[in-house]
Amino acid sequence: MENSTRNWTTAGCDFVNCTAHGSAMAASPREPATKYAVVVLYLVTFVFGMCGNSLTVLVMLRHHRLRTVAACFILNLAIADDLFLVCLPFMAYSTFTRHWVFGDVFCRAMNAFWGVNQYASIFTMTLMSVDRYLAVVHPLTSLTYRTCRKAFVVCAVIWTVSFLLVLPLPLYSTIHRGNCKVVDNYCLLDRKGAV
């Protein structure tokens, strides 16, 4: 069984009838329509997501809207989401062609971006919840902890921890049989022992 965290070429496999290993099964009459639907959804998500998140970042930085802890966390979340959205056009192309053509370095970067976005978003939303709890339950005693400067330090810690947790993804990402996958060397060996 293959140890794969993310396979960008078969990202929509449940929709386009792929096997567990990413190879296409017999084509069904619905396959082209669902493949186009998945690609269109990726691209629509990319366009609206980039517009919304980039506008959020631009407005917050340009108009100096970073006066609250919640605003700092919202900016951090928008930046993390933009990092993932950059990957969507490449995912759309590789889903459509069922082949990764962007090279080994970009395969590693895509997996790293995907993982960093995942961890940074989860940690940021968790800390937003903690911040709201402190603001509602302990409004006066938490004022010393809830400053923008401390929120930026926490955001820097979030990004550092996220990059450290994702470090294995670019190290073990490779193009195997035309697909961008995260595998270890043992999984790359076939039954004859050759890569």
N, C-alpha and C. Protein backbone atom coordinates (compact mmCIF):
# COMPACT_ATOMS: atom_id res chain seq x y z
N MET A 1 0.85 -1.18 0.00
CA MET A 1 0.00 0.00 0.00
C MET A 1 0.89 1.24 0.00
N GLU A 2 0.54 2.21 -0.77
CA GLU A 2 1.35 3.39 -0.95
C GLU A 2 1.09 4.41 0.15
N ASN A 3 2.15 4.98 0.68
CA ASN A 3 2.05 5.99 1.72
C ASN A 3 2.07 7.35 1.05
N SER A 4 0.91 7.91 0.77
CA SER A 4 0.84 9.17 0.06
C SER A 4 0.01 10.16 0.85
N THR A 5 0.58 11.31 1.18
CA THR A 5 -0.16 12.33 1.88
C THR A 5 -1.06 13.09 0.92
N ARG A 6 -0.52 13.49 -0.21
CA ARG A 6 -1.29 14.25 -1.17
C ARG A 6 -0.78 13.95 -2.56
N ASN A 7 -1.68 13.66 -3.46
CA ASN A 7 -1.34 13.40 -4.84
C ASN A 7 -2.09 14.43 -5.67
N TRP A 8 -1.38 15.45 -6.14
CA TRP A 8 -2.04 16.57 -6.81
C TRP A 8 -2.66 16.15 -8.14
N THR A 9 -2.11 15.16 -8.80
CA THR A 9 -2.65 14.78 -10.11
C THR A 9 -3.99 14.10 -9.97
N THR A 10 -4.23 13.47 -8.85
CA THR A 10 -5.50 12.77 -8.67
C THR A 10 -6.27 13.38 -7.52
N ALA A 11 -6.19 14.70 -7.39
CA ALA A 11 -6.84 15.38 -6.27
C ALA A 11 -8.35 15.19 -6.29
N GLY A 12 -8.95 15.01 -7.45
CA GLY A 12 -10.38 14.82 -7.53
C GLY A 12 -10.76 13.40 -7.86
N CYS A 13 -10.02 12.43 -7.32
CA CYS A 13 -10.21 11.04 -7.71
C CYS A 13 -11.60 10.51 -7.39
N ASP A 14 -12.19 10.92 -6.30
CA ASP A 14 -13.51 10.41 -5.98
C ASP A 14 -14.53 10.85 -7.03
N PHE A 15 -14.23 11.94 -7.71
CA PHE A 15 -15.17 12.45 -8.71
C PHE A 15 -14.92 11.91 -10.10
N VAL A 16 -13.69 11.49 -10.37
CA VAL A 16 -13.36 11.09 -11.74
C VAL A 16 -12.92 9.64 -11.85
N ASN A 17 -13.35 8.79 -10.93
CA ASN A 17 -13.17 7.34 -11.00
C ASN A 17 -11.71 6.90 -11.08
N CYS A 18 -10.93 7.21 -10.06
CA CYS A 18 -9.55 6.75 -9.98
C CYS A 18 -9.47 5.58 -9.01
N THR A 19 -8.44 4.79 -9.16
CA THR A 19 -8.19 3.76 -8.18
C THR A 19 -7.46 4.37 -7.02
N ALA A 20 -7.18 3.57 -6.00
CA ALA A 20 -6.49 4.08 -4.80
C ALA A 20 -5.08 4.52 -5.12
N HIS A 21 -4.47 3.99 -6.18
CA HIS A 21 -3.09 4.34 -6.51
C HIS A 21 -3.00 5.45 -7.54
N GLY A 22 -4.12 6.05 -7.90
CA GLY A 22 -4.07 7.20 -8.77
C GLY A 22 -4.14 6.87 -10.24
N SER A 23 -4.22 5.62 -10.65
CA SER A 23 -4.34 5.32 -12.07
C SER A 23 -5.81 5.33 -12.45
N ALA A 24 -6.08 5.70 -13.66
CA ALA A 24 -7.46 5.84 -14.09
C ALA A 24 -8.09 4.48 -14.34
N MET A 25 -9.34 4.36 -13.94
CA MET A 25 -10.09 3.15 -14.25
C MET A 25 -10.71 3.31 -15.64
N ALA A 26 -11.49 2.37 -16.03
CA ALA A 26 -12.15 2.46 -17.31
C ALA A 26 -12.98 3.74 -17.36
N ALA A 27 -12.87 4.46 -18.46
CA ALA A 27 -13.55 5.74 -18.58
C ALA A 27 -15.06 5.53 -18.62
N SER A 28 -15.75 6.34 -17.87
CA SER A 28 -17.20 6.28 -17.88
C SER A 28 -17.72 7.47 -18.67
N PRO A 29 -18.95 7.44 -19.10
CA PRO A 29 -19.49 8.57 -19.85
C PRO A 29 -19.52 9.87 -19.04
N ARG A 30 -19.57 9.75 -17.70
CA ARG A 30 -19.63 10.94 -16.85
C ARG A 30 -18.25 11.52 -16.57
N GLU A 31 -17.18 10.81 -16.85
CA GLU A 31 -15.84 11.26 -16.46
C GLU A 31 -15.47 12.62 -17.02
N PRO A 32 -15.63 12.90 -18.32
CA PRO A 32 -15.24 14.24 -18.80
C PRO A 32 -16.03 15.36 -18.13
N ALA A 33 -17.31 15.16 -17.89
CA ALA A 33 -18.11 16.21 -17.27
C ALA A 33 -17.67 16.46 -15.84
N THR A 34 -17.42 15.41 -15.09
CA THR A 34 -17.00 15.60 -13.70
C THR A 34 -15.59 16.16 -13.63
N LYS A 35 -14.73 15.75 -14.56
CA LYS A 35 -13.37 16.29 -14.57
C LYS A 35 -13.41 17.80 -14.85
N TYR A 36 -14.22 18.21 -15.80
CA TYR A 36 -14.36 19.64 -16.09
C TYR A 36 -14.97 20.37 -14.89
N ALA A 37 -15.92 19.76 -14.21
CA ALA A 37 -16.55 20.39 -13.05
C ALA A 37 -15.53 20.61 -11.93
N VAL A 38 -14.69 19.62 -11.69
CA VAL A 38 -13.66 19.75 -10.65
C VAL A 38 -12.68 20.86 -11.01
N VAL A 39 -12.25 20.91 -12.25
CA VAL A 39 -11.31 21.94 -12.70
C VAL A 39 -11.95 23.33 -12.57
N VAL A 40 -13.20 23.45 -12.98
CA VAL A 40 -13.90 24.73 -12.89
C VAL A 40 -14.04 25.15 -11.42
N LEU A 41 -14.35 24.21 -10.54
CA LEU A 41 -14.46 24.54 -9.11
C LEU A 41 -13.12 25.01 -8.54
N TYR A 42 -12.04 24.35 -8.93
CA TYR A 42 -10.71 24.80 -8.49
C TYR A 42 -10.45 26.23 -8.95
N LEU A 43 -10.74 26.51 -10.21
CA LEU A 43 -10.42 27.83 -10.76
C LEU A 43 -11.34 28.92 -10.20
N VAL A 44 -12.61 28.61 -10.02
CA VAL A 44 -13.53 29.59 -9.41
C VAL A 44 -13.13 29.88 -7.97
N THR A 45 -12.77 28.83 -7.24
CA THR A 45 -12.30 29.01 -5.86
C THR A 45 -11.04 29.86 -5.83
N PHE A 46 -10.14 29.62 -6.78
CA PHE A 46 -8.90 30.40 -6.87
C PHE A 46 -9.21 31.88 -7.09
N VAL A 47 -10.06 32.17 -8.08
CA VAL A 47 -10.34 33.57 -8.42
C VAL A 47 -11.01 34.30 -7.26
N PHE A 48 -12.10 33.74 -6.73
CA PHE A 48 -12.81 34.42 -5.65
C PHE A 48 -12.00 34.44 -4.36
N GLY A 49 -11.29 33.35 -4.07
CA GLY A 49 -10.48 33.30 -2.86
C GLY A 49 -9.33 34.29 -2.89
N MET A 50 -8.63 34.35 -4.03
CA MET A 50 -7.51 35.30 -4.13
C MET A 50 -8.00 36.74 -4.05
N CYS A 51 -9.13 37.02 -4.71
CA CYS A 51 -9.68 38.39 -4.65
C CYS A 51 -10.05 38.74 -3.21
N GLY A 52 -10.78 37.87 -2.54
CA GLY A 52 -11.22 38.16 -1.18
C GLY A 52 -10.09 38.25 -0.18
N ASN A 53 -9.21 37.27 -0.19
CA ASN A 53 -8.11 37.27 0.78
C ASN A 53 -7.10 38.38 0.50
N SER A 54 -6.78 38.60 -0.76
CA SER A 54 -5.82 39.66 -1.09
C SER A 54 -6.39 41.03 -0.78
N LEU A 55 -7.69 41.22 -1.01
CA LEU A 55 -8.33 42.48 -0.65
C LEU A 55 -8.31 42.69 0.86
N THR A 56 -8.53 41.62 1.62
CA THR A 56 -8.47 41.71 3.07
C THR A 56 -7.07 42.14 3.53
N VAL A 57 -6.05 41.51 2.98
CA VAL A 57 -4.67 41.85 3.34
C VAL A 57 -4.36 43.29 2.96
N LEU A 58 -4.76 43.69 1.75
CA LEU A 58 -4.48 45.04 1.27
C LEU A 58 -5.15 46.10 2.14
N VAL A 59 -6.42 45.91 2.44
CA VAL A 59 -7.16 46.90 3.24
C VAL A 59 -6.58 46.98 4.65
N MET A 60 -6.28 45.85 5.24
CA MET A 60 -5.76 45.87 6.61
C MET A 60 -4.38 46.52 6.69
N LEU A 61 -3.53 46.28 5.71
CA LEU A 61 -2.19 46.87 5.75
C LEU A 61 -2.19 48.33 5.31
N ARG A 62 -2.97 48.63 4.29
CA ARG A 62 -2.95 49.99 3.75
C ARG A 62 -3.64 51.00 4.66
N HIS A 63 -4.71 50.59 5.29
CA HIS A 63 -5.48 51.51 6.12
C HIS A 63 -5.21 51.33 7.62
N HIS A 64 -4.14 50.64 7.93
CA HIS A 64 -3.70 50.48 9.33
C HIS A 64 -4.83 49.99 10.23
N ARG A 65 -5.45 48.91 9.84
CA ARG A 65 -6.58 48.34 10.58
C ARG A 65 -6.13 47.30 11.61
N LEU A 66 -4.86 47.24 11.91
CA LEU A 66 -4.35 46.22 12.82
C LEU A 66 -4.25 46.78 14.24
N ARG A 67 -5.39 47.11 14.79
CA ARG A 67 -5.41 47.68 16.14
C ARG A 67 -5.89 46.70 17.18
N THR A 68 -6.44 45.57 16.75
CA THR A 68 -6.94 44.58 17.69
C THR A 68 -6.26 43.23 17.44
N VAL A 69 -6.33 42.39 18.44
CA VAL A 69 -5.75 41.05 18.32
C VAL A 69 -6.50 40.25 17.25
N ALA A 70 -7.82 40.39 17.22
CA ALA A 70 -8.61 39.67 16.23
C ALA A 70 -8.21 40.07 14.81
N ALA A 71 -7.94 41.35 14.59
CA ALA A 71 -7.52 41.81 13.26
C ALA A 71 -6.17 41.21 12.87
N CYS A 72 -5.27 41.08 13.82
CA CYS A 72 -3.97 40.45 13.54
C CYS A 72 -4.15 38.99 13.14
N PHE A 73 -5.04 38.30 13.83
CA PHE A 73 -5.28 36.89 13.50
C PHE A 73 -6.01 36.75 12.16
N ILE A 74 -6.91 37.68 11.84
CA ILE A 74 -7.60 37.63 10.55
C ILE A 74 -6.60 37.86 9.41
N LEU A 75 -5.67 38.79 9.59
CA LEU A 75 -4.62 39.00 8.60
C LEU A 75 -3.78 37.75 8.42
N ASN A 76 -3.42 37.11 9.51
CA ASN A 76 -2.62 35.89 9.45
C ASN A 76 -3.37 34.78 8.71
N LEU A 77 -4.65 34.66 8.97
CA LEU A 77 -5.47 33.64 8.30
C LEU A 77 -5.60 33.92 6.81
N ALA A 78 -5.75 35.18 6.43
CA ALA A 78 -5.85 35.55 5.02
C ALA A 78 -4.55 35.24 4.27
N ILE A 79 -3.42 35.51 4.90
CA ILE A 79 -2.12 35.21 4.27
C ILE A 79 -1.95 33.70 4.12
N ALA A 80 -2.32 32.94 5.13
CA ALA A 80 -2.22 31.48 5.05
C ALA A 80 -3.11 30.93 3.95
N ASP A 81 -4.31 31.45 3.82
CA ASP A 81 -5.22 30.98 2.77
C ASP A 81 -4.72 31.35 1.38
N ASP A 82 -4.13 32.53 1.24
CA ASP A 82 -3.54 32.91 -0.05
C ASP A 82 -2.44 31.95 -0.47
N LEU A 83 -1.68 31.47 0.51
CA LEU A 83 -0.61 30.52 0.21
C LEU A 83 -1.16 29.25 -0.42
N PHE A 84 -2.29 28.77 0.08
CA PHE A 84 -2.92 27.59 -0.50
C PHE A 84 -3.56 27.90 -1.86
N LEU A 85 -4.20 29.06 -1.97
CA LEU A 85 -4.89 29.41 -3.20
C LEU A 85 -3.95 29.53 -4.39
N VAL A 86 -2.69 29.89 -4.13
CA VAL A 86 -1.70 29.95 -5.21
C VAL A 86 -1.54 28.58 -5.87
N CYS A 87 -1.75 27.52 -5.11
CA CYS A 87 -1.58 26.16 -5.62
C CYS A 87 -2.74 25.68 -6.50
N LEU A 88 -3.91 26.28 -6.39
CA LEU A 88 -5.10 25.76 -7.06
C LEU A 88 -5.02 25.70 -8.59
N PRO A 89 -4.47 26.70 -9.30
CA PRO A 89 -4.38 26.56 -10.76
C PRO A 89 -3.52 25.37 -11.18
N PHE A 90 -2.46 25.11 -10.44
CA PHE A 90 -1.60 23.98 -10.76
C PHE A 90 -2.30 22.66 -10.47
N MET A 91 -3.07 22.65 -9.38
CA MET A 91 -3.86 21.46 -9.07
C MET A 91 -4.92 21.23 -10.15
N ALA A 92 -5.52 22.32 -10.64
CA ALA A 92 -6.54 22.19 -11.68
C ALA A 92 -5.93 21.61 -12.95
N TYR A 93 -4.77 22.11 -13.34
CA TYR A 93 -4.14 21.60 -14.56
C TYR A 93 -3.76 20.14 -14.43
N SER A 94 -3.16 19.78 -13.29
CA SER A 94 -2.73 18.39 -13.12
C SER A 94 -3.92 17.45 -12.95
N THR A 95 -5.03 17.94 -12.41
CA THR A 95 -6.24 17.13 -12.33
C THR A 95 -6.81 16.90 -13.73
N PHE A 96 -6.76 17.93 -14.55
CA PHE A 96 -7.30 17.83 -15.91
C PHE A 96 -6.47 16.90 -16.78
N THR A 97 -5.14 17.02 -16.70
CA THR A 97 -4.27 16.21 -17.56
C THR A 97 -3.88 14.88 -16.93
N ARG A 98 -4.11 14.72 -15.64
CA ARG A 98 -3.71 13.53 -14.89
C ARG A 98 -2.20 13.27 -14.97
N HIS A 99 -1.46 14.36 -15.04
CA HIS A 99 -0.01 14.24 -15.13
C HIS A 99 0.62 15.50 -14.54
N TRP A 100 1.67 15.34 -13.74
CA TRP A 100 2.36 16.48 -13.15
C TRP A 100 3.48 16.91 -14.09
N VAL A 101 3.40 18.15 -14.60
CA VAL A 101 4.37 18.63 -15.57
C VAL A 101 5.22 19.78 -15.04
N PHE A 102 5.06 20.13 -13.79
CA PHE A 102 5.70 21.33 -13.26
C PHE A 102 7.05 21.10 -12.60
N GLY A 103 7.53 19.88 -12.62
CA GLY A 103 8.87 19.59 -12.10
C GLY A 103 8.92 19.21 -10.64
N ASP A 104 10.07 18.68 -10.25
CA ASP A 104 10.25 18.15 -8.91
C ASP A 104 10.28 19.26 -7.85
N VAL A 105 10.93 20.38 -8.15
CA VAL A 105 11.04 21.47 -7.18
C VAL A 105 9.66 22.04 -6.87
N PHE A 106 8.85 22.22 -7.91
CA PHE A 106 7.52 22.76 -7.68
C PHE A 106 6.61 21.75 -7.00
N CYS A 107 6.84 20.47 -7.24
CA CYS A 107 6.10 19.43 -6.52
C CYS A 107 6.37 19.54 -5.02
N ARG A 108 7.63 19.71 -4.68
CA ARG A 108 7.99 19.86 -3.27
C ARG A 108 7.38 21.13 -2.66
N ALA A 109 7.42 22.23 -3.42
CA ALA A 109 6.87 23.50 -2.94
C ALA A 109 5.35 23.40 -2.75
N MET A 110 4.66 22.76 -3.69
CA MET A 110 3.21 22.62 -3.58
C MET A 110 2.82 21.86 -2.32
N ASN A 111 3.49 20.77 -2.06
CA ASN A 111 3.19 19.99 -0.85
C ASN A 111 3.51 20.79 0.41
N ALA A 112 4.59 21.56 0.38
CA ALA A 112 4.93 22.39 1.53
C ALA A 112 3.88 23.48 1.75
N PHE A 113 3.47 24.15 0.67
CA PHE A 113 2.45 25.20 0.78
C PHE A 113 1.15 24.64 1.34
N TRP A 114 0.77 23.48 0.84
CA TRP A 114 -0.48 22.85 1.29
C TRP A 114 -0.41 22.56 2.80
N GLY A 115 0.71 21.99 3.24
CA GLY A 115 0.84 21.65 4.66
C GLY A 115 0.94 22.87 5.56
N VAL A 116 1.72 23.87 5.13
CA VAL A 116 1.86 25.08 5.94
C VAL A 116 0.52 25.77 6.09
N ASN A 117 -0.25 25.84 5.00
CA ASN A 117 -1.58 26.45 5.08
C ASN A 117 -2.45 25.71 6.08
N GLN A 118 -2.39 24.40 6.03
CA GLN A 118 -3.22 23.59 6.92
C GLN A 118 -2.91 23.88 8.39
N TYR A 119 -1.64 23.80 8.75
CA TYR A 119 -1.27 24.02 10.14
C TYR A 119 -1.46 25.48 10.57
N ALA A 120 -1.05 26.42 9.73
CA ALA A 120 -1.19 27.84 10.10
C ALA A 120 -2.65 28.21 10.28
N SER A 121 -3.53 27.70 9.42
CA SER A 121 -4.96 28.00 9.55
C SER A 121 -5.55 27.40 10.82
N ILE A 122 -5.20 26.16 11.10
CA ILE A 122 -5.74 25.50 12.31
C ILE A 122 -5.26 26.21 13.57
N PHE A 123 -3.96 26.50 13.63
CA PHE A 123 -3.43 27.16 14.82
C PHE A 123 -4.01 28.57 14.98
N THR A 124 -4.16 29.29 13.88
CA THR A 124 -4.70 30.65 13.95
C THR A 124 -6.15 30.64 14.41
N MET A 125 -6.97 29.74 13.85
CA MET A 125 -8.37 29.69 14.28
C MET A 125 -8.50 29.25 15.73
N THR A 126 -7.61 28.37 16.17
CA THR A 126 -7.62 27.97 17.57
C THR A 126 -7.30 29.15 18.48
N LEU A 127 -6.29 29.92 18.11
CA LEU A 127 -5.93 31.08 18.92
C LEU A 127 -6.97 32.19 18.84
N MET A 128 -7.68 32.28 17.72
CA MET A 128 -8.80 33.23 17.65
C MET A 128 -9.89 32.84 18.66
N SER A 129 -10.13 31.54 18.79
CA SER A 129 -11.11 31.07 19.77
C SER A 129 -10.65 31.36 21.19
N VAL A 130 -9.38 31.15 21.48
CA VAL A 130 -8.84 31.45 22.81
C VAL A 130 -8.95 32.95 23.08
N ASP A 131 -8.64 33.76 22.07
CA ASP A 131 -8.74 35.21 22.23
C ASP A 131 -10.18 35.64 22.53
N ARG A 132 -11.14 35.07 21.82
CA ARG A 132 -12.55 35.40 22.08
C ARG A 132 -12.97 34.95 23.47
N TYR A 133 -12.49 33.79 23.90
CA TYR A 133 -12.80 33.31 25.26
C TYR A 133 -12.26 34.29 26.29
N LEU A 134 -11.01 34.71 26.12
CA LEU A 134 -10.43 35.66 27.08
C LEU A 134 -11.17 36.99 27.06
N ALA A 135 -11.57 37.44 25.88
CA ALA A 135 -12.27 38.73 25.78
C ALA A 135 -13.64 38.69 26.44
N VAL A 136 -14.31 37.54 26.41
CA VAL A 136 -15.66 37.44 26.95
C VAL A 136 -15.66 37.05 28.42
N VAL A 137 -14.85 36.05 28.77
CA VAL A 137 -14.89 35.52 30.13
C VAL A 137 -13.99 36.31 31.09
N HIS A 138 -12.84 36.75 30.60
CA HIS A 138 -11.89 37.51 31.45
C HIS A 138 -11.52 38.83 30.77
N PRO A 139 -12.48 39.73 30.61
CA PRO A 139 -12.21 40.94 29.82
C PRO A 139 -11.16 41.87 30.43
N LEU A 140 -11.13 42.01 31.73
CA LEU A 140 -10.19 42.95 32.34
C LEU A 140 -8.83 42.33 32.61
N THR A 141 -8.82 41.11 33.12
CA THR A 141 -7.53 40.49 33.46
C THR A 141 -6.74 40.08 32.21
N SER A 142 -7.42 39.93 31.08
CA SER A 142 -6.70 39.49 29.87
C SER A 142 -6.17 40.65 29.04
N LEU A 143 -6.41 41.89 29.46
CA LEU A 143 -5.95 43.04 28.67
C LEU A 143 -4.44 43.08 28.52
N THR A 144 -3.72 42.63 29.54
CA THR A 144 -2.26 42.65 29.43
C THR A 144 -1.74 41.61 28.44
N TYR A 145 -2.50 40.54 28.22
CA TYR A 145 -2.08 39.49 27.29
C TYR A 145 -2.53 39.76 25.86
N ARG A 146 -3.62 40.47 25.72
CA ARG A 146 -4.25 40.66 24.42
C ARG A 146 -3.82 41.97 23.79
N THR A 147 -2.58 42.04 23.34
CA THR A 147 -2.07 43.21 22.64
C THR A 147 -1.66 42.80 21.22
N CYS A 148 -1.63 43.77 20.33
CA CYS A 148 -1.26 43.48 18.94
C CYS A 148 0.18 42.99 18.83
N ARG A 149 1.06 43.56 19.62
CA ARG A 149 2.46 43.15 19.56
C ARG A 149 2.61 41.68 19.95
N LYS A 150 1.91 41.27 20.99
CA LYS A 150 1.95 39.86 21.39
C LYS A 150 1.26 38.97 20.36
N ALA A 151 0.23 39.48 19.71
CA ALA A 151 -0.45 38.71 18.67
C ALA A 151 0.48 38.48 17.48
N PHE A 152 1.29 39.48 17.11
CA PHE A 152 2.25 39.30 16.03
C PHE A 152 3.34 38.30 16.40
N VAL A 153 3.76 38.32 17.66
CA VAL A 153 4.74 37.32 18.12
C VAL A 153 4.15 35.92 18.04
N VAL A 154 2.90 35.79 18.46
CA VAL A 154 2.22 34.49 18.40
C VAL A 154 2.07 34.05 16.94
N CYS A 155 1.76 34.98 16.04
CA CYS A 155 1.66 34.63 14.61
C CYS A 155 3.01 34.17 14.06
N ALA A 156 4.09 34.80 14.48
CA ALA A 156 5.42 34.37 14.05
C ALA A 156 5.72 32.97 14.57
N VAL A 157 5.31 32.68 15.80
CA VAL A 157 5.49 31.33 16.35
C VAL A 157 4.66 30.32 15.56
N ILE A 158 3.43 30.71 15.19
CA ILE A 158 2.57 29.83 14.39
C ILE A 158 3.25 29.46 13.09
N TRP A 159 3.81 30.45 12.38
CA TRP A 159 4.47 30.16 11.10
C TRP A 159 5.72 29.31 11.29
N THR A 160 6.47 29.57 12.34
CA THR A 160 7.67 28.77 12.60
C THR A 160 7.31 27.32 12.88
N VAL A 161 6.34 27.11 13.75
CA VAL A 161 5.91 25.75 14.08
C VAL A 161 5.32 25.06 12.85
N SER A 162 4.55 25.80 12.06
CA SER A 162 3.96 25.21 10.86
C SER A 162 5.03 24.76 9.88
N PHE A 163 6.05 25.59 9.66
CA PHE A 163 7.14 25.20 8.76
C PHE A 163 7.91 23.99 9.30
N LEU A 164 8.11 23.94 10.60
CA LEU A 164 8.82 22.80 11.18
C LEU A 164 8.01 21.51 11.05
N LEU A 165 6.70 21.60 11.26
CA LEU A 165 5.86 20.40 11.15
C LEU A 165 5.75 19.91 9.71
N VAL A 166 5.88 20.81 8.76
CA VAL A 166 5.72 20.46 7.35
C VAL A 166 7.05 20.08 6.70
N LEU A 167 8.12 20.23 7.40
CA LEU A 167 9.45 19.96 6.82
C LEU A 167 9.57 18.59 6.14
N PRO A 168 8.97 17.53 6.66
CA PRO A 168 9.08 16.25 5.94
C PRO A 168 8.39 16.24 4.57
N LEU A 169 7.38 17.06 4.36
CA LEU A 169 6.68 17.05 3.08
C LEU A 169 7.58 17.40 1.90
N PRO A 170 8.31 18.53 1.93
CA PRO A 170 9.20 18.78 0.78
C PRO A 170 10.37 17.81 0.72
N LEU A 171 10.77 17.27 1.84
CA LEU A 171 11.89 16.32 1.82
C LEU A 171 11.51 15.01 1.16
N TYR A 172 10.27 14.57 1.33
CA TYR A 172 9.84 13.28 0.79
C TYR A 172 8.91 13.40 -0.41
N SER A 173 8.74 14.59 -0.96
CA SER A 173 7.93 14.75 -2.16
C SER A 173 8.76 14.40 -3.39
N THR A 174 8.12 13.77 -4.33
CA THR A 174 8.80 13.42 -5.57
C THR A 174 7.76 13.16 -6.66
N ILE A 175 8.25 13.12 -7.88
CA ILE A 175 7.38 12.76 -9.00
C ILE A 175 7.59 11.28 -9.24
N HIS A 176 6.54 10.52 -9.08
CA HIS A 176 6.60 9.06 -9.24
C HIS A 176 5.51 8.64 -10.20
N ARG A 177 5.92 8.06 -11.31
CA ARG A 177 4.99 7.63 -12.37
C ARG A 177 4.10 8.76 -12.85
N GLY A 178 4.69 9.94 -13.00
CA GLY A 178 3.97 11.08 -13.55
C GLY A 178 3.10 11.83 -12.57
N ASN A 179 3.13 11.45 -11.29
CA ASN A 179 2.31 12.10 -10.27
C ASN A 179 3.19 12.71 -9.20
N CYS A 180 2.76 13.83 -8.65
CA CYS A 180 3.44 14.48 -7.53
C CYS A 180 2.93 13.84 -6.26
N LYS A 181 3.82 13.15 -5.54
CA LYS A 181 3.41 12.41 -4.34
C LYS A 181 4.39 12.65 -3.20
N VAL A 182 3.91 12.38 -2.01
CA VAL A 182 4.76 12.36 -0.83
C VAL A 182 4.93 10.89 -0.46
N VAL A 183 6.12 10.37 -0.68
CA VAL A 183 6.40 8.96 -0.40
C VAL A 183 7.78 8.82 0.22
N ASP A 184 7.99 7.72 0.91
CA ASP A 184 9.34 7.44 1.39
C ASP A 184 10.02 6.51 0.37
N ASN A 185 11.30 6.31 0.51
CA ASN A 185 12.05 5.51 -0.46
C ASN A 185 11.57 4.08 -0.52
N TYR A 186 11.08 3.53 0.57
CA TYR A 186 10.59 2.17 0.58
C TYR A 186 9.39 2.02 -0.36
N CYS A 187 8.53 3.05 -0.37
CA CYS A 187 7.34 2.99 -1.21
C CYS A 187 7.67 3.14 -2.69
N LEU A 188 8.83 3.73 -3.00
CA LEU A 188 9.20 3.90 -4.39
C LEU A 188 9.68 2.59 -5.02
N LEU A 189 10.03 1.62 -4.22
CA LEU A 189 10.50 0.36 -4.76
C LEU A 189 9.31 -0.49 -5.21
N ASP A 190 9.39 -1.02 -6.41
CA ASP A 190 8.34 -1.92 -6.84
C ASP A 190 8.69 -3.34 -6.40
N ARG A 191 7.94 -4.31 -6.85
CA ARG A 191 8.14 -5.69 -6.38
C ARG A 191 9.50 -6.25 -6.76
N LYS A 192 10.08 -5.76 -7.84
CA LYS A 192 11.40 -6.26 -8.27
C LYS A 192 12.53 -5.53 -7.55
N GLY A 193 12.23 -4.51 -6.78
CA GLY A 193 13.27 -3.81 -6.04
C GLY A 193 13.86 -2.64 -6.80
N ALA A 194 13.30 -2.30 -7.97
CA ALA A 194 13.82 -1.19 -8.75
C ALA A 194 12.90 0.02 -8.59
N VAL A 195 13.49 1.19 -8.67
CA VAL A 195 12.71 2.40 -8.55
C VAL A 195 11.98 2.63 -9.85
